[in-house]
Amino acid sequence: MNGTGHISIYLSIVDTEKSPLGWEVNASFKLFVYDQIRDKFLTIQDVEGAIRRFHDIKTEWGFDKFLPLDSFNIISNGYLVNDCCVFGVEIFVHERSAKRECFTMIREPPNRIMTWKIENFSRKDRVLYASQVYVVGELKWKIQIYPNGFYNEAPKAISVFLDSVDCVAPDYKIFVDFKLRIRDQINNEHAEERAKHWFSASCNDWGFSQLLSRKDLEDASKGFLVEDTLIVEAEIMVMSTIK
């Protein structure tokens, strides 16, 4: 294969029939041909001794153009003497250091609807408000709300986010399929959006910068603000964790 005019040489792993399902061997290696006149070896290896992964689909690695045939056949080069040649390999097997992850999925976890009733909403003038901690499927969550929008992104809207309290370790991730809504307390026509997100230490909250416009909020007939009370909910449909 692509080795016309050359000797091609490969290292192949054998006797793998009894190996467990999903087996693999990581190895770096050097292939060589012996110069019988000068008593030395011509050695070829991957750049910087690259580690190759042998497994049930890829059982051999090597070089299509190990040595030009013209060079090999010149007697003075010492590779072919009395119609005899010597090839070899030096192998370094590396212990597998792959990281294993444990994946768990929960559909419709218990206590999956988190309801936050905010009273005296119009009197609040802080940039950000956070709810109490809710526990869903043994994981802790908060709802965050920006009454006047998420900084400069939505100055005429209410921004709502779901925040993971547990995502503090760098190797901990949580996948969540969830909804955020502001309840319509009169017509039952809620402002609602759905999202899917991997929560992690570097991105522990996710949501919508324009879940509800200020115009709709201030329209009494819309039913979002009743007796100066706003009801915000987060609902988790699917939740999974990886460690």
C-alpha atoms as a PDB file:
ATOM      1  CA  MET A   1       0.000   0.000   0.000  1.00  0.00           C
ATOM      2  CA  ASN A   2       1.718   3.176  -1.277  1.00  0.00           C
ATOM      3  CA  GLY A   3       5.017   1.303  -0.998  1.00  0.00           C
ATOM      4  CA  THR A   4       5.951   0.676  -4.602  1.00  0.00           C
ATOM      5  CA  GLY A   5       9.733   0.293  -5.005  1.00  0.00           C
ATOM      6  CA  HIS A   6      10.248  -0.107  -1.267  1.00  0.00           C
ATOM      7  CA  ILE A   7      10.292  -2.745   1.409  1.00  0.00           C
ATOM      8  CA  SER A   8       7.216  -2.294   3.613  1.00  0.00           C
ATOM      9  CA  ILE A   9       7.419  -3.521   7.187  1.00  0.00           C
ATOM     10  CA  TYR A  10       4.803  -3.663   9.928  1.00  0.00           C
ATOM     11  CA  LEU A  11       4.397  -4.735  13.525  1.00  0.00           C
ATOM     12  CA  SER A  12       1.299  -6.878  14.041  1.00  0.00           C
ATOM     13  CA  ILE A  13      -0.239  -8.113  17.274  1.00  0.00           C
ATOM     14  CA  VAL A  14      -1.378 -11.749  17.213  1.00  0.00           C
ATOM     15  CA  ASP A  15      -3.211 -14.311  19.352  1.00  0.00           C
ATOM     16  CA  THR A  16      -5.916 -11.844  20.356  1.00  0.00           C
ATOM     17  CA  GLU A  17      -8.829 -14.288  20.040  1.00  0.00           C
ATOM     18  CA  LYS A  18      -8.946 -14.857  23.803  1.00  0.00           C
ATOM     19  CA  SER A  19      -8.545 -11.186  24.690  1.00  0.00           C
ATOM     20  CA  PRO A  20     -11.524  -9.564  26.482  1.00  0.00           C
ATOM     21  CA  LEU A  21     -14.053  -7.493  24.547  1.00  0.00           C
ATOM     22  CA  GLY A  22     -12.731  -3.995  23.938  1.00  0.00           C
ATOM     23  CA  TRP A  23      -9.091  -4.975  24.435  1.00  0.00           C
ATOM     24  CA  GLU A  24      -6.305  -2.614  23.452  1.00  0.00           C
ATOM     25  CA  VAL A  25      -2.527  -2.411  23.749  1.00  0.00           C
ATOM     26  CA  ASN A  26      -0.595   0.854  23.650  1.00  0.00           C
ATOM     27  CA  ALA A  27       2.979   0.577  22.400  1.00  0.00           C
ATOM     28  CA  SER A  28       5.811   2.544  20.886  1.00  0.00           C
ATOM     29  CA  PHE A  29       8.308   0.654  18.753  1.00  0.00           C
ATOM     30  CA  LYS A  30      11.385   0.789  16.533  1.00  0.00           C
ATOM     31  CA  LEU A  31      11.743  -1.302  13.373  1.00  0.00           C
ATOM     32  CA  PHE A  32      15.197  -2.078  12.035  1.00  0.00           C
ATOM     33  CA  VAL A  33      17.199  -3.893   9.383  1.00  0.00           C
ATOM     34  CA  TYR A  34      20.705  -5.217  10.148  1.00  0.00           C
ATOM     35  CA  ASP A  35      23.793  -4.058   8.234  1.00  0.00           C
ATOM     36  CA  GLN A  36      25.762  -7.319   8.278  1.00  0.00           C
ATOM     37  CA  ILE A  37      28.983  -5.753   6.973  1.00  0.00           C
ATOM     38  CA  ARG A  38      29.346  -2.908   9.456  1.00  0.00           C
ATOM     39  CA  ASP A  39      27.548  -4.674  12.318  1.00  0.00           C
ATOM     40  CA  LYS A  40      24.999  -1.926  12.905  1.00  0.00           C
ATOM     41  CA  PHE A  41      21.280  -1.346  12.513  1.00  0.00           C
ATOM     42  CA  LEU A  42      19.237   0.994  10.354  1.00  0.00           C
ATOM     43  CA  THR A  43      16.400   1.958  12.682  1.00  0.00           C
ATOM     44  CA  ILE A  44      13.121   3.724  11.884  1.00  0.00           C
ATOM     45  CA  GLN A  45      10.422   4.797  14.327  1.00  0.00           C
ATOM     46  CA  ASP A  46       7.461   7.183  14.437  1.00  0.00           C
ATOM     47  CA  VAL A  47       8.174  10.843  15.133  1.00  0.00           C
ATOM     48  CA  GLU A  48       9.127  11.337  18.791  1.00  0.00           C
ATOM     49  CA  GLY A  49       8.337   7.717  19.539  1.00  0.00           C
ATOM     50  CA  ALA A  50       4.590   8.116  19.103  1.00  0.00           C
ATOM     51  CA  ILE A  51       2.454   5.633  21.012  1.00  0.00           C
ATOM     52  CA  ARG A  52       0.251   3.497  18.759  1.00  0.00           C
ATOM     53  CA  ARG A  53      -2.978   1.853  19.911  1.00  0.00           C
ATOM     54  CA  PHE A  54      -3.482  -1.742  18.824  1.00  0.00           C
ATOM     55  CA  HIS A  55      -7.066  -3.039  19.071  1.00  0.00           C
ATOM     56  CA  ASP A  56      -9.468  -5.450  17.365  1.00  0.00           C
ATOM     57  CA  ILE A  57      -9.987  -3.142  14.372  1.00  0.00           C
ATOM     58  CA  LYS A  58      -6.380  -1.904  14.013  1.00  0.00           C
ATOM     59  CA  THR A  59      -3.986  -4.797  14.716  1.00  0.00           C
ATOM     60  CA  GLU A  60      -0.885  -3.563  12.847  1.00  0.00           C
ATOM     61  CA  TRP A  61       1.208  -0.424  12.485  1.00  0.00           C
ATOM     62  CA  GLY A  62       4.298   0.218  10.419  1.00  0.00           C
ATOM     63  CA  PHE A  63       5.836   1.875   7.385  1.00  0.00           C
ATOM     64  CA  ASP A  64       4.838   1.586   3.727  1.00  0.00           C
ATOM     65  CA  LYS A  65       8.258   2.860   2.608  1.00  0.00           C
ATOM     66  CA  PHE A  66      10.701   1.427   5.124  1.00  0.00           C
ATOM     67  CA  LEU A  67      13.644   1.027   2.737  1.00  0.00           C
ATOM     68  CA  PRO A  68      14.056   1.580  -1.042  1.00  0.00           C
ATOM     69  CA  LEU A  69      14.544  -1.727  -2.861  1.00  0.00           C
ATOM     70  CA  ASP A  70      17.454  -0.278  -4.828  1.00  0.00           C
ATOM     71  CA  SER A  71      19.300   0.507  -1.622  1.00  0.00           C
ATOM     72  CA  PHE A  72      18.405  -2.847  -0.082  1.00  0.00           C
ATOM     73  CA  ASN A  73      19.752  -4.799  -3.057  1.00  0.00           C
ATOM     74  CA  ILE A  74      23.150  -3.050  -3.151  1.00  0.00           C
ATOM     75  CA  ILE A  75      25.497  -5.631  -1.618  1.00  0.00           C
ATOM     76  CA  SER A  76      27.912  -3.019  -0.268  1.00  0.00           C
ATOM     77  CA  ASN A  77      25.124  -1.621   1.975  1.00  0.00           C
ATOM     78  CA  GLY A  78      25.203  -4.880   3.935  1.00  0.00           C
ATOM     79  CA  TYR A  79      21.454  -5.469   4.179  1.00  0.00           C
ATOM     80  CA  LEU A  80      21.398  -8.450   1.816  1.00  0.00           C
ATOM     81  CA  VAL A  81      24.381 -10.813   2.150  1.00  0.00           C
ATOM     82  CA  ASN A  82      24.380 -14.328   0.637  1.00  0.00           C
ATOM     83  CA  ASP A  83      20.647 -13.851  -0.014  1.00  0.00           C
ATOM     84  CA  CYS A  84      20.080 -13.444   3.737  1.00  0.00           C
ATOM     85  CA  CYS A  85      18.719 -10.427   5.603  1.00  0.00           C
ATOM     86  CA  VAL A  86      17.807  -9.653   9.215  1.00  0.00           C
ATOM     87  CA  PHE A  87      14.832  -7.544  10.334  1.00  0.00           C
ATOM     88  CA  GLY A  88      13.752  -6.829  13.889  1.00  0.00           C
ATOM     89  CA  VAL A  89      11.710  -4.694  16.232  1.00  0.00           C
ATOM     90  CA  GLU A  90      12.116  -3.192  19.682  1.00  0.00           C
ATOM     91  CA  ILE A  91       8.795  -2.723  21.512  1.00  0.00           C
ATOM     92  CA  PHE A  92       7.825  -0.649  24.549  1.00  0.00           C
ATOM     93  CA  VAL A  93       4.373  -1.454  25.926  1.00  0.00           C
ATOM     94  CA  HIS A  94       2.744   1.402  27.853  1.00  0.00           C
ATOM     95  CA  GLU A  95       0.249   0.986  30.640  1.00  0.00           C
ATOM     96  CA  ARG A  96      -3.149   2.316  29.730  1.00  0.00           C
ATOM     97  CA  SER A  97      -3.812   5.655  31.405  1.00  0.00           C
ATOM     98  CA  ALA A  98      -7.205   6.411  29.885  1.00  0.00           C
ATOM     99  CA  LYS A  99      -9.671   8.083  32.198  1.00  0.00           C
ATOM    100  CA  ARG A 100     -12.914   6.221  32.860  1.00  0.00           C
ATOM    101  CA  GLU A 101     -16.180   8.065  33.269  1.00  0.00           C
ATOM    102  CA  CYS A 102     -19.314   6.829  34.999  1.00  0.00           C
ATOM    103  CA  PHE A 103     -22.530   7.998  33.300  1.00  0.00           C
ATOM    104  CA  THR A 104     -25.905   7.909  35.060  1.00  0.00           C
ATOM    105  CA  MET A 105     -29.204   9.100  33.592  1.00  0.00           C
ATOM    106  CA  ILE A 106     -32.418   9.910  35.481  1.00  0.00           C
ATOM    107  CA  ARG A 107     -35.689  10.621  33.694  1.00  0.00           C
ATOM    108  CA  GLU A 108     -38.330  12.669  35.509  1.00  0.00           C
ATOM    109  CA  PRO A 109     -36.391  12.786  38.782  1.00  0.00           C
ATOM    110  CA  PRO A 110     -38.325  13.236  42.047  1.00  0.00           C
ATOM    111  CA  ASN A 111     -39.172  16.810  43.062  1.00  0.00           C
ATOM    112  CA  ARG A 112     -38.279  17.871  39.529  1.00  0.00           C
ATOM    113  CA  ILE A 113     -40.412  21.052  39.583  1.00  0.00           C
ATOM    114  CA  MET A 114     -38.875  23.911  41.557  1.00  0.00           C
ATOM    115  CA  THR A 115     -41.318  26.736  42.286  1.00  0.00           C
ATOM    116  CA  TRP A 116     -40.121  30.125  43.494  1.00  0.00           C
ATOM    117  CA  LYS A 117     -42.674  32.717  44.575  1.00  0.00           C
ATOM    118  CA  ILE A 118     -41.206  36.223  44.658  1.00  0.00           C
ATOM    119  CA  GLU A 119     -43.329  38.712  46.613  1.00  0.00           C
ATOM    120  CA  ASN A 120     -42.993  42.510  46.397  1.00  0.00           C
ATOM    121  CA  PHE A 121     -41.297  41.972  43.059  1.00  0.00           C
ATOM    122  CA  SER A 122     -41.638  45.542  41.751  1.00  0.00           C
ATOM    123  CA  ARG A 123     -39.975  46.932  44.858  1.00  0.00           C
ATOM    124  CA  LYS A 124     -36.771  45.012  44.294  1.00  0.00           C
ATOM    125  CA  ASP A 125     -33.929  47.002  42.789  1.00  0.00           C
ATOM    126  CA  ARG A 126     -31.011  44.575  42.897  1.00  0.00           C
ATOM    127  CA  VAL A 127     -29.381  43.365  39.685  1.00  0.00           C
ATOM    128  CA  LEU A 128     -29.586  39.654  40.542  1.00  0.00           C
ATOM    129  CA  TYR A 129     -31.738  37.533  42.820  1.00  0.00           C
ATOM    130  CA  ALA A 130     -31.176  33.875  43.684  1.00  0.00           C
ATOM    131  CA  SER A 131     -33.695  31.439  45.095  1.00  0.00           C
ATOM    132  CA  GLN A 132     -33.296  29.031  47.954  1.00  0.00           C
ATOM    133  CA  VAL A 133     -31.511  25.734  47.268  1.00  0.00           C
ATOM    134  CA  TYR A 134     -33.719  23.003  45.775  1.00  0.00           C
ATOM    135  CA  VAL A 135     -32.798  19.315  45.823  1.00  0.00           C
ATOM    136  CA  VAL A 136     -33.712  17.314  42.723  1.00  0.00           C
ATOM    137  CA  GLY A 137     -32.502  13.729  42.447  1.00  0.00           C
ATOM    138  CA  GLU A 138     -29.929  14.343  45.200  1.00  0.00           C
ATOM    139  CA  LEU A 139     -28.474  17.288  43.286  1.00  0.00           C
ATOM    140  CA  LYS A 140     -28.741  20.896  44.409  1.00  0.00           C
ATOM    141  CA  TRP A 141     -30.050  23.759  42.281  1.00  0.00           C
ATOM    142  CA  LYS A 142     -30.907  27.427  42.429  1.00  0.00           C
ATOM    143  CA  ILE A 143     -32.966  29.665  40.171  1.00  0.00           C
ATOM    144  CA  GLN A 144     -31.453  33.021  39.285  1.00  0.00           C
ATOM    145  CA  ILE A 145     -33.411  35.999  38.024  1.00  0.00           C
ATOM    146  CA  TYR A 146     -32.319  39.351  36.645  1.00  0.00           C
ATOM    147  CA  PRO A 147     -35.396  41.635  37.105  1.00  0.00           C
ATOM    148  CA  ASN A 148     -34.038  44.224  34.686  1.00  0.00           C
ATOM    149  CA  GLY A 149     -32.380  41.868  32.240  1.00  0.00           C
ATOM    150  CA  PHE A 150     -29.028  40.149  32.084  1.00  0.00           C
ATOM    151  CA  TYR A 151     -26.788  43.219  32.287  1.00  0.00           C
ATOM    152  CA  ASN A 152     -26.845  44.965  28.897  1.00  0.00           C
ATOM    153  CA  GLU A 153     -28.079  42.014  26.841  1.00  0.00           C
ATOM    154  CA  ALA A 154     -31.800  42.356  27.617  1.00  0.00           C
ATOM    155  CA  PRO A 155     -32.551  45.681  29.335  1.00  0.00           C
ATOM    156  CA  LYS A 156     -36.279  45.392  28.543  1.00  0.00           C
ATOM    157  CA  ALA A 157     -36.723  41.785  29.600  1.00  0.00           C
ATOM    158  CA  ILE A 158     -36.556  39.465  32.583  1.00  0.00           C
ATOM    159  CA  SER A 159     -33.683  36.974  32.466  1.00  0.00           C
ATOM    160  CA  VAL A 160     -33.951  33.599  34.208  1.00  0.00           C
ATOM    161  CA  PHE A 161     -31.225  30.971  34.697  1.00  0.00           C
ATOM    162  CA  LEU A 162     -30.840  27.567  36.315  1.00  0.00           C
ATOM    163  CA  ASP A 163     -27.739  27.293  38.507  1.00  0.00           C
ATOM    164  CA  SER A 164     -26.017  24.075  39.609  1.00  0.00           C
ATOM    165  CA  VAL A 165     -24.750  24.262  43.179  1.00  0.00           C
ATOM    166  CA  ASP A 166     -22.876  20.943  42.886  1.00  0.00           C
ATOM    167  CA  CYS A 167     -20.625  21.779  39.927  1.00  0.00           C
ATOM    168  CA  VAL A 168     -17.480  22.807  41.774  1.00  0.00           C
ATOM    169  CA  ALA A 169     -15.041  19.968  41.015  1.00  0.00           C
ATOM    170  CA  PRO A 170     -13.312  20.345  37.604  1.00  0.00           C
ATOM    171  CA  ASP A 171     -14.060  16.733  36.574  1.00  0.00           C
ATOM    172  CA  TYR A 172     -17.756  16.788  37.507  1.00  0.00           C
ATOM    173  CA  LYS A 173     -20.367  17.332  34.795  1.00  0.00           C
ATOM    174  CA  ILE A 174     -24.164  17.231  34.757  1.00  0.00           C
ATOM    175  CA  PHE A 175     -26.347  17.054  31.651  1.00  0.00           C
ATOM    176  CA  VAL A 176     -29.849  18.471  32.075  1.00  0.00           C
ATOM    177  CA  ASP A 177     -32.881  18.753  29.820  1.00  0.00           C
ATOM    178  CA  PHE A 178     -34.987  21.408  31.544  1.00  0.00           C
ATOM    179  CA  LYS A 179     -37.610  24.132  31.246  1.00  0.00           C
ATOM    180  CA  LEU A 180     -37.693  27.595  32.755  1.00  0.00           C
ATOM    181  CA  ARG A 181     -41.003  29.406  33.039  1.00  0.00           C
ATOM    182  CA  ILE A 182     -42.691  32.445  34.483  1.00  0.00           C
ATOM    183  CA  ARG A 183     -46.248  31.475  35.389  1.00  0.00           C
ATOM    184  CA  ASP A 184     -49.304  33.235  34.009  1.00  0.00           C
ATOM    185  CA  GLN A 185     -51.444  33.282  37.155  1.00  0.00           C
ATOM    186  CA  ILE A 186     -54.663  34.267  35.342  1.00  0.00           C
ATOM    187  CA  ASN A 187     -54.765  32.739  31.856  1.00  0.00           C
ATOM    188  CA  ASN A 188     -52.414  29.809  32.437  1.00  0.00           C
ATOM    189  CA  GLU A 189     -50.404  30.839  29.344  1.00  0.00           C
ATOM    190  CA  HIS A 190     -46.943  30.748  30.807  1.00  0.00           C
ATOM    191  CA  ALA A 191     -43.757  32.258  29.406  1.00  0.00           C
ATOM    192  CA  GLU A 192     -41.650  29.119  28.961  1.00  0.00           C
ATOM    193  CA  GLU A 193     -38.485  27.975  27.220  1.00  0.00           C
ATOM    194  CA  ARG A 194     -36.701  24.611  27.081  1.00  0.00           C
ATOM    195  CA  ALA A 195     -32.959  23.983  27.030  1.00  0.00           C
ATOM    196  CA  LYS A 196     -30.357  21.223  27.166  1.00  0.00           C
ATOM    197  CA  HIS A 197     -27.007  21.950  28.751  1.00  0.00           C
ATOM    198  CA  TRP A 198     -23.892  20.356  30.256  1.00  0.00           C
ATOM    199  CA  PHE A 199     -23.334  22.027  33.620  1.00  0.00           C
ATOM    200  CA  SER A 200     -19.737  22.099  34.853  1.00  0.00           C
ATOM    201  CA  ALA A 201     -17.422  24.117  37.067  1.00  0.00           C
ATOM    202  CA  SER A 202     -16.624  26.410  34.134  1.00  0.00           C
ATOM    203  CA  CYS A 203     -20.285  26.854  33.123  1.00  0.00           C
ATOM    204  CA  ASN A 204     -22.515  26.181  36.098  1.00  0.00           C
ATOM    205  CA  ASP A 205     -25.592  28.158  35.006  1.00  0.00           C
ATOM    206  CA  TRP A 206     -27.707  28.315  31.867  1.00  0.00           C
ATOM    207  CA  GLY A 207     -30.935  29.957  30.852  1.00  0.00           C
ATOM    208  CA  PHE A 208     -32.606  32.713  28.875  1.00  0.00           C
ATOM    209  CA  SER A 209     -31.780  36.409  28.820  1.00  0.00           C
ATOM    210  CA  GLN A 210     -35.220  37.299  27.438  1.00  0.00           C
ATOM    211  CA  LEU A 211     -37.685  34.881  28.981  1.00  0.00           C
ATOM    212  CA  LEU A 212     -40.325  37.592  29.445  1.00  0.00           C
ATOM    213  CA  SER A 213     -40.457  41.170  28.205  1.00  0.00           C
ATOM    214  CA  ARG A 214     -40.968  43.983  30.688  1.00  0.00           C
ATOM    215  CA  LYS A 215     -43.943  45.094  28.600  1.00  0.00           C
ATOM    216  CA  ASP A 216     -45.771  41.788  29.104  1.00  0.00           C
ATOM    217  CA  LEU A 217     -44.801  41.740  32.765  1.00  0.00           C
ATOM    218  CA  GLU A 218     -46.342  45.148  33.373  1.00  0.00           C
ATOM    219  CA  ASP A 219     -49.536  44.285  31.457  1.00  0.00           C
ATOM    220  CA  ALA A 220     -51.926  43.225  34.236  1.00  0.00           C
ATOM    221  CA  SER A 221     -54.126  41.282  31.804  1.00  0.00           C
ATOM    222  CA  LYS A 222     -51.223  38.941  31.015  1.00  0.00           C
ATOM    223  CA  GLY A 223     -51.309  37.588  34.564  1.00  0.00           C
ATOM    224  CA  PHE A 224     -47.589  37.334  35.201  1.00  0.00           C
ATOM    225  CA  LEU A 225     -47.510  39.807  38.078  1.00  0.00           C
ATOM    226  CA  VAL A 226     -50.437  39.430  40.471  1.00  0.00           C
ATOM    227  CA  GLU A 227     -50.535  41.397  43.725  1.00  0.00           C
ATOM    228  CA  ASP A 228     -46.899  42.211  43.043  1.00  0.00           C
ATOM    229  CA  THR A 229     -46.008  38.505  43.149  1.00  0.00           C
ATOM    230  CA  LEU A 230     -44.058  36.725  40.438  1.00  0.00           C
ATOM    231  CA  ILE A 231     -43.913  32.920  40.247  1.00  0.00           C
ATOM    232  CA  VAL A 232     -40.857  31.400  38.554  1.00  0.00           C
ATOM    233  CA  GLU A 233     -40.379  27.678  37.959  1.00  0.00           C
ATOM    234  CA  ALA A 234     -37.672  25.348  36.765  1.00  0.00           C
ATOM    235  CA  GLU A 235     -38.565  21.807  35.701  1.00  0.00           C
ATOM    236  CA  ILE A 236     -36.033  19.068  35.033  1.00  0.00           C
ATOM    237  CA  MET A 237     -37.160  16.378  32.586  1.00  0.00           C
ATOM    238  CA  VAL A 238     -33.892  14.462  32.205  1.00  0.00           C
ATOM    239  CA  MET A 239     -30.791  14.649  34.354  1.00  0.00           C
ATOM    240  CA  SER A 240     -27.534  12.760  34.094  1.00  0.00           C
ATOM    241  CA  THR A 241     -24.201  12.906  35.843  1.00  0.00           C
ATOM    242  CA  ILE A 242     -20.667  12.000  34.815  1.00  0.00           C
ATOM    243  CA  LYS A 243     -17.819  11.394  37.241  1.00  0.00           C
END
